[in-house]
Amino acid sequence: MKTRSLVNEATFRPHVESSAAIRPPSRSRGSVRGAFTDATGREVVYASTLERDFSVIALTHPDVQAVQEQPPTVAYRDVARIRHHTFDFMLRLRCGTSLAIAVKPSWRVASSGLERTLTLIAAQRPTFADRFEIRTERDICRVAARNARLILHSRRLMIDDAIAEVTAIVESLRGACTIEVICAQIPHQPLAFFAAIRLIDNGHLRCATSGLITAATLVERVEHA
């Protein structure tokens, strides 16, 4: 059986439609819009590559408990007018803090008046979120986003057997080695690479080098007390 078909068989999750307050149109000139599914099968929609990259990083960040794209619209007063704003994301951290996030290219922040908008909302609707923040391409690393997509893909796979086999190898690791070396010890297991990614995700392995995670990435076992 081919590896591709094994991966396809391991990816089934029931589909749950996005609960976004505003769903981006499927087509838009000059921007990338689309959707993907998280590890639970929930649909996540985005209206730009920045939003897409931010969402996958947030979904795989250990401090983030929940991610909601396009949360309910918030009303606020701007001088004599009532305006409405929809944040791009609402994050719930494991510590209990909530973050309302606006994602915008840095060159558009000033002209859009976004900083003033967030200041008004924070002053008038302090219970909407604990913090109101802007994220631009300066905060959203493309390498981190690509690694996050790899982690997210591994989470969607039902690969408990492969994880158990890779874990057994990792327990005997002394020093750093490449993911490829780990996978070579179980050549009969075509999903070993994704199992190693899951061990990085859950903190049993850590990358000893920075950059994109590939089969050539050096990893080492994490010692737990």
Protein backbone atom coordinates (compact mmCIF):
# COMPACT_ATOMS: atom_id res chain seq x y z
CA MET A 1 0.00 0.00 0.00
CA LYS A 2 1.34 3.44 -0.94
CA THR A 3 2.18 6.05 1.71
CA ARG A 4 -0.23 8.54 0.10
CA SER A 5 -3.18 6.16 0.47
CA LEU A 6 -2.20 5.40 4.07
CA VAL A 7 -2.19 9.12 4.85
CA ASN A 8 -5.59 9.54 3.19
CA GLU A 9 -7.04 6.70 5.28
CA ALA A 10 -5.64 8.25 8.44
CA THR A 11 -7.13 11.73 7.92
CA PHE A 12 -10.86 11.20 8.32
CA ARG A 13 -12.56 13.63 10.70
CA PRO A 14 -16.20 14.71 10.71
CA HIS A 15 -16.54 18.15 9.09
CA VAL A 16 -17.81 21.05 11.23
CA GLU A 17 -18.64 24.29 9.42
CA SER A 18 -16.93 27.49 10.55
CA SER A 19 -18.78 29.65 13.06
CA ALA A 20 -17.26 32.86 11.69
CA ALA A 21 -19.56 35.88 12.03
CA ILE A 22 -18.56 37.00 8.55
CA ARG A 23 -17.53 34.49 5.91
CA PRO A 24 -15.07 35.90 3.35
CA PRO A 25 -16.28 35.60 -0.27
CA SER A 26 -14.69 32.70 -2.09
CA ARG A 27 -13.24 34.98 -4.74
CA SER A 28 -11.65 38.39 -4.38
CA ARG A 29 -9.29 40.27 -6.68
CA GLY A 30 -5.89 40.87 -5.12
CA SER A 31 -6.22 38.65 -2.04
CA VAL A 32 -6.08 34.99 -1.11
CA ARG A 33 -9.20 33.61 0.54
CA GLY A 34 -10.04 30.10 1.53
CA ALA A 35 -10.52 27.59 4.31
CA PHE A 36 -8.91 24.58 5.92
CA THR A 37 -9.85 22.18 8.71
CA ASP A 38 -8.21 22.01 12.11
CA ALA A 39 -7.34 18.82 13.98
CA THR A 40 -10.95 18.33 15.12
CA GLY A 41 -12.43 18.71 11.63
CA ARG A 42 -13.66 22.28 12.26
CA GLU A 43 -13.52 24.53 9.23
CA VAL A 44 -11.35 27.64 9.61
CA VAL A 45 -11.85 30.44 7.07
CA TYR A 46 -9.42 33.20 6.18
CA ALA A 47 -9.42 36.29 3.98
CA SER A 48 -5.68 36.67 3.32
CA THR A 49 -2.39 34.80 3.49
CA LEU A 50 -1.57 36.73 6.67
CA GLU A 51 -4.79 35.52 8.31
CA ARG A 52 -4.13 31.98 7.13
CA ASP A 53 -0.61 31.97 8.53
CA PHE A 54 -1.65 33.59 11.79
CA SER A 55 -4.44 31.08 12.30
CA VAL A 56 -2.26 27.98 11.88
CA ILE A 57 0.40 29.41 14.20
CA ALA A 58 -2.24 30.21 16.83
CA LEU A 59 -3.91 26.80 16.49
CA THR A 60 -0.64 25.01 17.19
CA HIS A 61 0.76 27.35 19.86
CA PRO A 62 1.01 25.63 23.27
CA ASP A 63 -0.31 28.70 25.13
CA VAL A 64 -3.49 28.97 23.03
CA GLN A 65 -6.56 27.03 24.13
CA ALA A 66 -9.06 28.15 21.49
CA VAL A 67 -9.09 30.14 18.25
CA GLN A 68 -12.16 31.78 16.76
CA GLU A 69 -11.83 33.48 13.41
CA GLN A 70 -14.16 36.40 12.65
CA PRO A 71 -15.77 36.55 16.13
CA PRO A 72 -19.06 38.41 16.64
CA THR A 73 -19.04 42.01 15.45
CA VAL A 74 -18.59 44.65 18.14
CA ALA A 75 -20.31 48.06 18.11
CA TYR A 76 -18.58 51.23 19.32
CA ARG A 77 -19.11 54.99 19.23
CA ASP A 78 -16.86 57.15 17.10
CA VAL A 79 -17.71 60.76 17.98
CA ALA A 80 -21.41 60.95 17.01
CA ARG A 81 -21.58 57.77 14.95
CA ILE A 82 -22.08 54.13 15.91
CA ARG A 83 -19.65 51.97 14.03
CA HIS A 84 -19.10 48.22 13.88
CA HIS A 85 -15.89 46.25 13.73
CA THR A 86 -15.21 42.56 13.27
CA PHE A 87 -11.89 41.35 14.61
CA ASP A 88 -10.05 38.77 12.58
CA PHE A 89 -9.50 36.47 15.56
CA MET A 90 -10.37 35.93 19.18
CA LEU A 91 -7.84 33.87 21.11
CA ARG A 92 -8.43 32.21 24.46
CA LEU A 93 -5.17 31.47 26.24
CA ARG A 94 -4.72 28.62 28.69
CA CYS A 95 -4.06 31.18 31.43
CA GLY A 96 -7.61 32.54 30.90
CA THR A 97 -6.68 35.71 29.00
CA SER A 98 -8.65 36.61 25.87
CA LEU A 99 -7.09 38.47 22.93
CA ALA A 100 -8.99 40.27 20.17
CA ILE A 101 -6.66 40.29 17.17
CA ALA A 102 -6.74 42.45 14.06
CA VAL A 103 -4.48 41.24 11.23
CA LYS A 104 -3.34 43.85 8.74
CA PRO A 105 -0.33 44.45 6.46
CA SER A 106 1.95 46.97 8.18
CA TRP A 107 1.74 49.44 5.31
CA ARG A 108 -2.06 49.65 5.75
CA VAL A 109 -2.22 50.08 9.54
CA ALA A 110 -1.83 53.86 9.65
CA SER A 111 -4.08 54.64 6.68
CA SER A 112 -6.84 52.36 7.94
CA GLY A 113 -7.12 54.11 11.30
CA LEU A 114 -7.00 50.66 12.93
CA GLU A 115 -5.05 51.75 15.99
CA ARG A 116 -7.65 54.41 16.79
CA THR A 117 -10.45 51.91 16.25
CA LEU A 118 -8.92 49.46 18.72
CA THR A 119 -8.33 52.23 21.26
CA LEU A 120 -12.01 53.24 21.09
CA ILE A 121 -13.24 49.65 21.38
CA ALA A 122 -10.92 48.89 24.29
CA ALA A 123 -12.19 51.96 26.15
CA GLN A 124 -15.89 51.39 25.43
CA ARG A 125 -16.11 47.58 25.40
CA PRO A 126 -13.52 46.40 27.93
CA THR A 127 -15.39 43.13 28.58
CA PHE A 128 -15.18 42.07 24.93
CA ALA A 129 -11.58 40.94 25.43
CA ASP A 130 -8.74 41.35 27.90
CA ARG A 131 -6.36 42.66 25.25
CA PHE A 132 -6.80 44.26 21.83
CA GLU A 133 -3.84 43.82 19.50
CA ILE A 134 -2.70 44.24 15.90
CA ARG A 135 -0.61 41.65 14.08
CA THR A 136 1.23 42.40 10.84
CA GLU A 137 3.63 40.48 8.60
CA ARG A 138 6.38 41.60 11.00
CA ASP A 139 4.83 39.40 13.68
CA ILE A 140 3.82 36.45 11.50
CA CYS A 141 6.82 34.35 10.44
CA ARG A 142 6.34 32.35 7.23
CA VAL A 143 8.69 29.61 8.40
CA ALA A 144 6.73 29.30 11.66
CA ALA A 145 3.52 29.13 9.63
CA ARG A 146 4.84 26.34 7.41
CA ASN A 147 5.96 24.37 10.45
CA ALA A 148 2.57 24.99 12.08
CA ARG A 149 0.79 23.62 8.98
CA LEU A 150 2.94 20.49 9.24
CA ILE A 151 2.01 20.08 12.91
CA LEU A 152 -1.65 20.68 12.15
CA HIS A 153 -1.56 18.05 9.42
CA SER A 154 0.03 15.54 11.79
CA ARG A 155 -2.71 16.22 14.35
CA ARG A 156 -5.35 15.32 11.79
CA LEU A 157 -3.80 11.90 11.28
CA MET A 158 -4.96 8.93 13.35
CA ILE A 159 -1.52 7.39 13.80
CA ASP A 160 -1.39 6.01 17.34
CA ASP A 161 0.57 2.91 16.27
CA ALA A 162 3.22 4.99 14.53
CA ILE A 163 3.47 7.34 17.52
CA ALA A 164 3.99 4.39 19.87
CA GLU A 165 6.80 3.01 17.69
CA VAL A 166 8.56 6.35 17.34
CA THR A 167 8.17 7.04 21.07
CA ALA A 168 9.92 3.76 21.87
CA ILE A 169 12.88 4.86 19.73
CA VAL A 170 12.93 8.37 21.20
CA GLU A 171 13.08 6.99 24.75
CA SER A 172 16.50 5.52 23.98
CA LEU A 173 17.90 8.63 22.27
CA ARG A 174 21.14 10.07 23.59
CA GLY A 175 21.96 13.42 22.07
CA ALA A 176 20.59 14.82 18.83
CA CYS A 177 19.85 13.04 15.57
CA THR A 178 17.81 13.77 12.47
CA ILE A 179 14.19 12.79 12.09
CA GLU A 180 15.33 10.73 9.11
CA VAL A 181 17.56 8.60 11.36
CA ILE A 182 14.61 7.90 13.67
CA CYS A 183 12.36 6.95 10.77
CA ALA A 184 15.03 4.65 9.29
CA GLN A 185 14.79 2.44 12.36
CA ILE A 186 11.22 1.52 11.50
CA PRO A 187 11.22 1.30 7.68
CA HIS A 188 7.93 -0.64 7.73
CA GLN A 189 6.17 2.41 9.21
CA PRO A 190 5.44 4.95 6.39
CA LEU A 191 3.86 7.43 8.82
CA ALA A 192 6.88 7.61 11.14
CA PHE A 193 7.77 11.14 9.98
CA PHE A 194 4.35 12.49 10.97
CA ALA A 195 4.58 10.61 14.27
CA ALA A 196 7.88 12.38 14.98
CA ILE A 197 6.17 15.70 14.22
CA ARG A 198 3.49 14.82 16.79
CA LEU A 199 6.21 14.17 19.38
CA ILE A 200 7.63 17.63 18.65
CA ASP A 201 4.12 19.02 19.02
CA ASN A 202 3.49 17.35 22.39
CA GLY A 203 6.88 18.22 23.83
CA HIS A 204 8.60 14.82 23.82
CA LEU A 205 11.00 15.97 21.11
CA ARG A 206 12.45 19.40 20.42
CA CYS A 207 14.18 20.78 17.37
CA ALA A 208 17.90 21.33 17.96
CA THR A 209 18.10 23.67 14.96
CA SER A 210 15.88 26.47 13.66
CA GLY A 211 14.20 26.72 10.27
CA LEU A 212 11.77 24.53 8.39
CA ILE A 213 11.11 21.12 9.90
CA THR A 214 12.13 18.41 7.46
CA ALA A 215 13.48 14.87 7.62
CA ALA A 216 16.94 16.44 7.94
CA THR A 217 16.02 18.45 11.05
CA LEU A 218 18.06 17.65 14.14
CA VAL A 219 15.90 16.73 17.13
CA GLU A 220 16.58 15.66 20.70
CA ARG A 221 14.58 14.03 23.44
CA VAL A 222 13.08 16.31 26.10
CA GLU A 223 13.80 15.19 29.64
CA HIS A 224 10.69 15.41 31.80
CA ALA A 225 10.95 15.59 35.59
